[in-house]
Amino acid sequence: MGPPRISGVTVWIDPPRWAAHGHVWSHLISDASLEELHSFAGRAGIPARGFEGDHYDVPEVRYADVVAAGARPTDAKDLVRRLRASGLRMQKRRGERGVARVEGVPLVGGARADVDLIVSARPATASRVFAAMVFVRDAGGDFAVVHAVRRGQWGAPGGSREGEESPAATACREVREEIGVDLAVADLAPVGYERFHHRSAGWPWPAERDLLQAFRADLRRTRPPLRSDHADTSARRWVTAAEFAELCGGEFWWPLADHLFGDRQRPDAG
């Protein structure tokens, strides 16, 4: 017996035809809001790890139950059309995974933007990158964090590009300035990016630059000393994974870190 029908919502599902990782998958969307989509998925018993930024992947064995719960069947072409028309479509390159869209993120200077958080092993388009940050981990799996003066928040070291330096060069410079650790570009691995869109007046970077590149760097040492005279940060320290979550779990970018370093990783389904 499937889940009870969920009334008062309109979500859509295409037929199970997308083969990946030994299963065949459908895509489940809302053409109204992500809140509606998450609510339906939760009540229909679809796990959070199935979310792909603008849809949930639903295995073939769950298709009938999800339709019985109130999802409206449609074909793949119509589903994509509805998603695009709704404005909820999250653009991704092949092999990338959207983990969250966060609306109305406040920025330094009073601007706001909606932000897509995307996991990717491919570098973001360099001409669009305005800043870079690095998840720095030591040999024991602890994280280096800094306290940003202007934002009043803890987070991974990072900052804006200067001149024509590459995103990777920005990342190395910011890590050196903010925690005193020397990295080479070869030490960095791209792990994702943040895409800022629907930006309000006061966006502090050139209009064509809308991406923040995220890297990771794994050190061979355990908790090397952290030091800095950088005026943009007021403190820095090593934290465990649990302490990292406690310090930063409420920040808009946390779903990206949680996907990368938490226990929610799952292969792409489609």
Protein backbone atom coordinates (compact mmCIF):
# COMPACT_ATOMS: atom_id res chain seq x y z
CA MET A 1 0.00 0.00 0.00
CA GLY A 2 1.47 3.34 -1.05
CA PRO A 3 1.51 6.63 0.87
CA PRO A 4 -1.79 8.53 1.28
CA ARG A 5 -2.68 10.99 -1.48
CA ILE A 6 -1.39 14.49 -0.74
CA SER A 7 -4.03 17.02 -1.73
CA GLY A 8 -3.65 20.72 -2.43
CA VAL A 9 -0.33 20.51 -4.30
CA THR A 10 0.68 20.28 -7.94
CA VAL A 11 3.88 18.41 -8.61
CA TRP A 12 4.84 16.61 -11.79
CA ILE A 13 6.73 13.41 -12.58
CA ASP A 14 8.03 12.00 -15.87
CA PRO A 15 8.14 8.27 -16.71
CA PRO A 16 11.03 6.20 -15.34
CA ARG A 17 13.44 6.07 -18.27
CA TRP A 18 16.75 7.54 -17.06
CA ALA A 19 19.20 4.71 -16.39
CA ALA A 20 22.05 5.27 -13.93
CA HIS A 21 23.87 3.24 -11.28
CA GLY A 22 21.85 0.09 -11.82
CA HIS A 23 18.44 1.77 -11.55
CA VAL A 24 15.95 3.58 -13.76
CA TRP A 25 14.80 7.00 -12.56
CA SER A 26 12.02 9.54 -12.90
CA HIS A 27 12.27 13.26 -12.21
CA LEU A 28 9.87 14.94 -9.77
CA ILE A 29 9.33 18.72 -9.92
CA SER A 30 7.06 21.49 -8.73
CA ASP A 31 6.23 24.31 -11.11
CA ALA A 32 5.20 26.51 -8.18
CA SER A 33 7.97 26.52 -5.57
CA LEU A 34 10.81 24.51 -4.09
CA GLU A 35 9.00 24.66 -0.74
CA GLU A 36 6.10 22.75 -2.28
CA LEU A 37 8.48 20.23 -3.84
CA HIS A 38 10.36 19.59 -0.58
CA SER A 39 7.13 19.29 1.38
CA PHE A 40 5.65 16.78 -1.05
CA ALA A 41 8.84 14.76 -1.24
CA GLY A 42 9.12 14.56 2.54
CA ARG A 43 5.54 13.42 2.99
CA ALA A 44 5.83 10.95 0.11
CA GLY A 45 8.90 9.38 1.73
CA ILE A 46 11.46 10.48 -0.87
CA PRO A 47 14.83 10.91 0.89
CA ALA A 48 16.53 14.31 0.93
CA ARG A 49 19.60 12.84 -0.77
CA GLY A 50 17.48 12.50 -3.92
CA PHE A 51 17.28 16.28 -4.39
CA GLU A 52 19.19 17.59 -7.44
CA GLY A 53 18.80 21.37 -7.12
CA ASP A 54 15.52 21.67 -9.04
CA HIS A 55 14.08 18.14 -8.92
CA TYR A 56 14.11 14.88 -7.01
CA ASP A 57 15.29 11.64 -8.56
CA VAL A 58 12.70 8.93 -7.96
CA PRO A 59 13.59 5.25 -8.57
CA GLU A 60 11.30 3.24 -10.81
CA VAL A 61 10.13 1.09 -7.89
CA ARG A 62 8.67 4.22 -6.22
CA TYR A 63 7.01 5.71 -9.32
CA ALA A 64 3.53 4.25 -8.74
CA ASP A 65 3.54 5.25 -5.06
CA VAL A 66 4.53 8.82 -5.88
CA VAL A 67 1.78 9.11 -8.50
CA ALA A 68 -0.70 7.65 -6.02
CA ALA A 69 0.39 10.29 -3.52
CA GLY A 70 -0.63 13.05 -5.94
CA ALA A 71 2.19 13.68 -8.42
CA ARG A 72 0.81 14.30 -11.91
CA PRO A 73 2.38 12.21 -14.68
CA THR A 74 3.68 14.00 -17.77
CA ASP A 75 6.31 13.40 -20.40
CA ALA A 76 9.92 14.54 -20.06
CA LYS A 77 9.60 17.36 -22.58
CA ASP A 78 6.59 18.89 -20.83
CA LEU A 79 8.25 18.50 -17.45
CA VAL A 80 11.31 20.48 -18.60
CA ARG A 81 9.05 23.12 -20.19
CA ARG A 82 7.15 23.57 -16.94
CA LEU A 83 10.35 23.76 -14.93
CA ARG A 84 11.83 26.44 -17.18
CA ALA A 85 8.61 28.47 -17.22
CA SER A 86 8.50 28.41 -13.42
CA GLY A 87 11.96 29.99 -13.11
CA LEU A 88 13.08 27.11 -10.90
CA ARG A 89 15.32 25.44 -13.49
CA MET A 90 18.89 25.19 -12.18
CA GLN A 91 21.44 25.25 -14.98
CA LYS A 92 24.18 22.66 -14.56
CA ARG A 93 26.85 21.09 -16.72
CA ARG A 94 27.03 17.34 -17.24
CA GLY A 95 28.25 15.58 -14.11
CA GLU A 96 27.38 18.45 -11.79
CA ARG A 97 24.89 18.29 -8.94
CA GLY A 98 22.75 21.06 -7.55
CA VAL A 99 22.35 20.74 -3.80
CA ALA A 100 20.34 23.85 -2.89
CA ARG A 101 18.92 27.17 -4.03
CA VAL A 102 18.93 29.81 -1.30
CA GLU A 103 16.81 32.89 -1.90
CA GLY A 104 17.43 36.45 -0.72
CA VAL A 105 20.94 35.98 0.67
CA PRO A 106 22.10 39.28 2.25
CA LEU A 107 25.50 40.48 1.03
CA VAL A 108 27.99 42.98 2.42
CA GLY A 109 26.86 46.49 1.44
CA GLY A 110 23.14 45.75 1.52
CA ALA A 111 22.74 43.85 -1.77
CA ARG A 112 20.83 40.58 -1.95
CA ALA A 113 20.91 37.63 -4.32
CA ASP A 114 19.50 34.17 -4.84
CA VAL A 115 22.30 31.59 -4.75
CA ASP A 116 22.56 28.17 -6.37
CA LEU A 117 24.97 25.77 -4.65
CA ILE A 118 26.45 23.31 -7.13
CA VAL A 119 28.87 20.43 -6.57
CA SER A 120 31.32 20.01 -9.43
CA ALA A 121 34.81 18.64 -9.99
CA ARG A 122 35.11 20.92 -13.03
CA PRO A 123 36.48 24.44 -12.58
CA ALA A 124 33.90 27.17 -13.01
CA THR A 125 34.22 29.44 -16.04
CA ALA A 126 37.09 31.68 -14.92
CA SER A 127 35.76 34.85 -16.57
CA ARG A 128 32.63 34.61 -14.42
CA VAL A 129 34.39 34.03 -11.08
CA PHE A 130 34.54 37.00 -8.70
CA ALA A 131 35.90 35.18 -5.63
CA ALA A 132 37.26 31.88 -4.38
CA MET A 133 37.28 29.98 -1.13
CA VAL A 134 39.03 26.85 0.13
CA PHE A 135 37.96 24.08 2.47
CA VAL A 136 41.34 23.44 4.11
CA ARG A 137 41.60 20.13 5.99
CA ASP A 138 44.54 18.74 7.91
CA ALA A 139 45.79 15.15 7.97
CA GLY A 140 43.33 14.30 10.73
CA GLY A 141 40.28 15.65 8.89
CA ASP A 142 39.94 18.89 10.86
CA PHE A 143 39.02 22.16 9.14
CA ALA A 144 40.69 25.59 9.20
CA VAL A 145 38.15 28.38 9.74
CA VAL A 146 38.43 32.14 9.94
CA HIS A 147 36.17 34.85 11.36
CA ALA A 148 35.38 37.51 8.75
CA VAL A 149 35.21 41.03 10.18
CA ARG A 150 32.78 42.53 7.65
CA ARG A 151 30.36 39.60 7.66
CA GLY A 152 30.75 38.79 11.34
CA GLN A 153 30.75 35.08 10.49
CA TRP A 154 32.98 32.03 10.64
CA GLY A 155 33.80 30.22 7.43
CA ALA A 156 36.47 28.79 5.18
CA PRO A 157 39.27 31.14 4.08
CA GLY A 158 38.62 32.98 0.83
CA GLY A 159 37.98 36.30 -0.82
CA SER A 160 37.72 38.38 -3.99
CA ARG A 161 39.93 38.13 -7.05
CA GLU A 162 42.49 40.85 -7.52
CA GLY A 163 43.38 42.13 -10.99
CA GLU A 164 43.76 39.35 -13.53
CA GLU A 165 44.78 36.56 -11.16
CA SER A 166 43.17 33.20 -11.77
CA PRO A 167 40.57 31.81 -9.33
CA ALA A 168 43.16 29.26 -8.14
CA ALA A 169 45.73 32.01 -7.57
CA THR A 170 43.12 33.94 -5.60
CA ALA A 171 42.48 30.88 -3.45
CA CYS A 172 46.19 30.37 -2.70
CA ARG A 173 46.68 34.06 -1.87
CA GLU A 174 43.66 34.20 0.43
CA VAL A 175 44.72 31.06 2.32
CA ARG A 176 48.20 32.49 2.78
CA GLU A 177 46.88 35.88 3.95
CA GLU A 178 44.14 34.57 6.23
CA ILE A 179 45.71 31.51 7.90
CA GLY A 180 49.39 31.63 6.93
CA VAL A 181 49.41 28.32 5.06
CA ASP A 182 51.28 28.20 1.76
CA LEU A 183 49.49 26.28 -0.99
CA ALA A 184 50.42 25.70 -4.61
CA VAL A 185 47.78 25.68 -7.34
CA ALA A 186 48.43 21.93 -7.67
CA ASP A 187 47.27 21.49 -4.05
CA LEU A 188 43.76 22.68 -4.94
CA ALA A 189 40.89 20.56 -6.21
CA PRO A 190 37.70 22.26 -7.46
CA VAL A 191 34.67 20.90 -5.62
CA GLY A 192 31.86 23.25 -6.60
CA TYR A 193 30.69 26.79 -6.97
CA GLU A 194 28.07 29.27 -5.83
CA ARG A 195 26.06 31.01 -8.56
CA PHE A 196 24.56 34.38 -7.57
CA HIS A 197 21.53 35.47 -9.57
CA HIS A 198 18.51 37.76 -9.21
CA ARG A 199 20.99 40.23 -7.76
CA SER A 200 19.73 43.48 -6.30
CA ALA A 201 21.20 46.94 -6.75
CA GLY A 202 24.57 47.32 -5.06
CA TRP A 203 26.18 44.13 -6.44
CA PRO A 204 29.85 44.95 -5.69
CA TRP A 205 31.45 43.06 -8.59
CA PRO A 206 31.22 43.43 -12.39
CA ALA A 207 27.83 42.34 -13.67
CA GLU A 208 29.26 39.46 -15.72
CA ARG A 209 30.94 37.94 -12.65
CA ASP A 210 28.41 35.84 -10.78
CA LEU A 211 30.30 32.75 -9.52
CA LEU A 212 32.28 31.95 -6.39
CA GLN A 213 34.65 29.03 -6.94
CA ALA A 214 35.05 26.51 -4.10
CA PHE A 215 38.19 24.38 -3.73
CA ARG A 216 39.44 21.85 -1.22
CA ALA A 217 43.00 21.36 -0.05
CA ASP A 218 44.13 18.40 2.06
CA LEU A 219 47.29 18.98 4.09
CA ARG A 220 49.76 16.29 5.05
CA ARG A 221 50.29 17.82 8.48
CA THR A 222 48.07 17.78 11.56
CA ARG A 223 46.88 21.21 12.76
CA PRO A 224 49.86 23.32 11.65
CA PRO A 225 49.95 26.74 13.36
CA LEU A 226 47.58 29.32 11.88
CA ARG A 227 48.64 32.95 11.78
CA SER A 228 47.68 36.16 10.01
CA ASP A 229 47.96 39.92 10.18
CA HIS A 230 45.13 40.26 7.68
CA ALA A 231 42.71 43.01 8.74
CA ASP A 232 39.71 41.30 7.12
CA THR A 233 39.77 38.46 9.65
CA SER A 234 39.76 38.68 13.43
CA ALA A 235 40.42 35.05 14.40
CA ARG A 236 41.31 31.67 12.96
CA ARG A 237 41.45 28.14 14.35
CA TRP A 238 41.24 24.43 13.65
CA VAL A 239 37.89 22.75 14.29
CA THR A 240 36.56 19.22 14.10
CA ALA A 241 33.85 18.35 11.59
CA ALA A 242 31.24 18.59 14.35
CA GLU A 243 32.55 21.99 15.44
CA PHE A 244 32.57 23.16 11.82
CA ALA A 245 28.89 22.26 11.53
CA GLU A 246 28.09 23.98 14.81
CA LEU A 247 29.88 27.19 13.77
CA CYS A 248 28.68 27.36 10.18
CA GLY A 249 25.62 25.14 9.87
CA GLY A 250 23.32 28.15 9.63
CA GLU A 251 25.18 29.87 6.78
CA PHE A 252 23.64 29.91 3.30
CA TRP A 253 26.57 27.95 1.79
CA TRP A 254 26.50 25.15 4.36
CA PRO A 255 24.55 22.65 2.18
CA LEU A 256 27.56 22.62 -0.16
CA ALA A 257 29.97 21.76 2.66
CA ASP A 258 27.53 19.27 4.14
CA HIS A 259 27.23 17.44 0.84
CA LEU A 260 31.01 17.37 0.33
CA PHE A 261 32.07 16.38 3.83
CA GLY A 262 28.97 15.08 5.58
CA ASP A 263 27.26 11.71 5.19
CA ARG A 264 24.83 12.71 2.42
CA GLN A 265 26.93 11.96 -0.67
CA ARG A 266 25.17 9.94 -3.36
CA PRO A 267 26.06 9.27 -6.99
CA ASP A 268 24.20 11.31 -9.60
CA ALA A 269 21.08 9.65 -10.92
CA GLY A 270 20.22 12.01 -13.72
